[in-house]
C-alpha atoms as a PDB file:
ATOM      1  CA  MET A   1      40.544   9.853 -36.510  1.00  0.00           C
ATOM      2  CA  SER A   2      43.084  11.542 -38.700  1.00  0.00           C
ATOM      3  CA  VAL A   3      46.340  12.483 -36.789  1.00  0.00           C
ATOM      4  CA  ASN A   4      48.882  15.207 -38.221  1.00  0.00           C
ATOM      5  CA  ARG A   5      52.134  13.524 -37.315  1.00  0.00           C
ATOM      6  CA  GLU A   6      54.035  16.768 -37.423  1.00  0.00           C
ATOM      7  CA  GLU A   7      51.757  17.999 -34.699  1.00  0.00           C
ATOM      8  CA  LEU A   8      52.140  14.983 -32.984  1.00  0.00           C
ATOM      9  CA  LYS A   9      55.784  15.498 -32.878  1.00  0.00           C
ATOM     10  CA  ARG A  10      55.603  18.748 -32.121  1.00  0.00           C
ATOM     11  CA  LEU A  11      53.565  17.948 -29.052  1.00  0.00           C
ATOM     12  CA  ILE A  12      56.193  15.301 -27.905  1.00  0.00           C
ATOM     13  CA  ASP A  13      58.790  18.000 -27.838  1.00  0.00           C
ATOM     14  CA  PHE A  14      56.842  19.942 -25.523  1.00  0.00           C
ATOM     15  CA  ILE A  15      56.376  17.384 -22.816  1.00  0.00           C
ATOM     16  CA  HIS A  16      57.516  17.881 -19.695  1.00  0.00           C
ATOM     17  CA  GLU A  17      60.796  16.167 -18.688  1.00  0.00           C
ATOM     18  CA  GLU A  18      59.252  14.196 -15.775  1.00  0.00           C
ATOM     19  CA  ASP A  19      56.616  13.000 -18.208  1.00  0.00           C
ATOM     20  CA  THR A  20      58.880  11.516 -21.140  1.00  0.00           C
ATOM     21  CA  ALA A  21      59.213   8.211 -19.610  1.00  0.00           C
ATOM     22  CA  GLU A  22      55.329   7.800 -19.272  1.00  0.00           C
ATOM     23  CA  VAL A  23      54.983   8.807 -23.006  1.00  0.00           C
ATOM     24  CA  TYR A  24      57.989   6.530 -23.900  1.00  0.00           C
ATOM     25  CA  ASP A  25      56.257   3.418 -21.802  1.00  0.00           C
ATOM     26  CA  PHE A  26      52.945   4.434 -23.610  1.00  0.00           C
ATOM     27  CA  ILE A  27      54.124   4.345 -27.209  1.00  0.00           C
ATOM     28  CA  GLY A  28      56.185   0.831 -26.626  1.00  0.00           C
ATOM     29  CA  TYR A  29      52.863  -0.732 -25.235  1.00  0.00           C
ATOM     30  CA  LEU A  30      51.002   0.572 -28.318  1.00  0.00           C
ATOM     31  CA  ASN A  31      53.402  -1.001 -30.729  1.00  0.00           C
ATOM     32  CA  MET A  32      53.743  -4.247 -28.437  1.00  0.00           C
ATOM     33  CA  LYS A  33      49.896  -4.289 -28.831  1.00  0.00           C
ATOM     34  CA  ARG A  34      49.794  -3.751 -32.597  1.00  0.00           C
ATOM     35  CA  GLU A  35      52.423  -6.644 -32.900  1.00  0.00           C
ATOM     36  CA  ARG A  36      50.481  -9.244 -30.434  1.00  0.00           C
ATOM     37  CA  GLU A  37      47.309  -8.394 -32.523  1.00  0.00           C
ATOM     38  CA  THR A  38      49.310  -9.523 -35.701  1.00  0.00           C
ATOM     39  CA  ILE A  39      50.605 -12.475 -34.164  1.00  0.00           C
ATOM     40  CA  GLU A  40      47.232 -13.617 -32.939  1.00  0.00           C
ATOM     41  CA  GLN A  41      45.870 -13.066 -36.556  1.00  0.00           C
ATOM     42  CA  LEU A  42      48.586 -15.195 -38.041  1.00  0.00           C
ATOM     43  CA  ASP A  43      47.951 -17.704 -35.724  1.00  0.00           C
ATOM     44  CA  LEU A  44      44.307 -17.969 -36.313  1.00  0.00           C
ATOM     45  CA  ASP A  45      44.788 -18.024 -39.988  1.00  0.00           C
ATOM     46  CA  LEU A  46      47.481 -20.483 -39.654  1.00  0.00           C
ATOM     47  CA  LEU A  47      45.338 -22.680 -37.307  1.00  0.00           C
ATOM     48  CA  SER A  48      42.224 -22.352 -39.801  1.00  0.00           C
ATOM     49  CA  LYS A  49      44.128 -23.943 -42.337  1.00  0.00           C
ATOM     50  CA  ASP A  50      45.474 -26.795 -40.098  1.00  0.00           C
ATOM     51  CA  LYS A  51      43.307 -29.915 -41.577  1.00  0.00           C
ATOM     52  CA  GLU A  52      44.873 -32.174 -38.877  1.00  0.00           C
ATOM     53  CA  LEU A  53      43.715 -29.819 -35.950  1.00  0.00           C
ATOM     54  CA  ILE A  54      40.363 -29.275 -37.524  1.00  0.00           C
ATOM     55  CA  ARG A  55      39.979 -33.280 -37.767  1.00  0.00           C
ATOM     56  CA  GLN A  56      41.157 -33.512 -34.313  1.00  0.00           C
ATOM     57  CA  VAL A  57      38.716 -30.724 -32.867  1.00  0.00           C
ATOM     58  CA  GLN A  58      35.860 -32.294 -35.070  1.00  0.00           C
ATOM     59  CA  LYS A  59      36.585 -35.651 -33.223  1.00  0.00           C
ATOM     60  CA  SER A  60      36.715 -34.406 -29.932  1.00  0.00           C
ATOM     61  CA  GLN A  61      33.311 -32.857 -30.653  1.00  0.00           C
ATOM     62  CA  GLU A  62      31.967 -36.147 -31.861  1.00  0.00           C
ATOM     63  CA  ASP A  63      33.346 -37.811 -28.928  1.00  0.00           C
ATOM     64  CA  HIS A  64      31.647 -35.265 -26.440  1.00  0.00           C
ATOM     65  CA  THR A  65      28.436 -35.678 -28.467  1.00  0.00           C
ATOM     66  CA  TYR A  66      28.587 -39.707 -28.043  1.00  0.00           C
ATOM     67  CA  GLY A  67      29.618 -39.577 -24.546  1.00  0.00           C
ATOM     68  CA  ARG A  68      33.050 -41.166 -25.215  1.00  0.00           C
ATOM     69  CA  ILE A  69      34.595 -38.738 -22.353  1.00  0.00           C
ATOM     70  CA  TYR A  70      36.707 -39.892 -19.050  1.00  0.00           C
ATOM     71  CA  ASN A  71      36.826 -38.037 -16.104  1.00  0.00           C
ATOM     72  CA  LYS A  72      40.003 -37.899 -14.439  1.00  0.00           C
ATOM     73  CA  GLU A  73      40.355 -41.099 -12.910  1.00  0.00           C
ATOM     74  CA  GLN A  74      38.885 -42.950 -15.744  1.00  0.00           C
ATOM     75  CA  GLY A  75      41.569 -41.022 -18.024  1.00  0.00           C
ATOM     76  CA  LEU A  76      44.436 -42.015 -15.348  1.00  0.00           C
ATOM     77  CA  ARG A  77      43.252 -45.902 -15.166  1.00  0.00           C
ATOM     78  CA  TYR A  78      43.555 -45.659 -19.056  1.00  0.00           C
ATOM     79  CA  LEU A  79      46.980 -44.381 -19.254  1.00  0.00           C
ATOM     80  CA  GLN A  80      48.149 -46.641 -16.735  1.00  0.00           C
ATOM     81  CA  ASN A  81      46.908 -49.718 -18.484  1.00  0.00           C
ATOM     82  CA  LYS A  82      48.513 -48.426 -21.893  1.00  0.00           C
ATOM     83  CA  ILE A  83      51.936 -48.133 -20.234  1.00  0.00           C
ATOM     84  CA  SER A  84      51.394 -51.527 -18.879  1.00  0.00           C
ATOM     85  CA  GLU A  85      50.601 -52.954 -21.978  1.00  0.00           C
ATOM     86  CA  PHE A  86      53.527 -51.271 -23.597  1.00  0.00           C
ATOM     87  CA  GLU A  87      55.939 -52.212 -20.951  1.00  0.00           C
ATOM     88  CA  SER A  88      54.531 -56.100 -21.289  1.00  0.00           C
ATOM     89  CA  GLU A  89      55.410 -55.876 -25.048  1.00  0.00           C
ATOM     90  CA  GLN A  90      59.087 -54.319 -24.456  1.00  0.00           C
ATOM     91  CA  ASN A  91      59.732 -57.333 -21.974  1.00  0.00           C
ATOM     92  CA  LEU A  92      58.727 -60.027 -24.772  1.00  0.00           C
END
């Protein structure tokens, strides 16, 4: 849809005073929406080129496929054991 910007400006000039705040907020919303879409696209572009992130996702998918996943309790025990091992090494 093509909009004549001059006509749009003219319409804005004739908006009732009590509606101007809403129009102002809506224009701000549209600008923010466009900026967010641009940022999200940039993020996707960057993430799609991050080889380490892609490797981690592939490893995670592989771990899930082969059942190498922990439930909450197993994960907590694993971390507690790793902390204990680390602290033991520090005390040597």
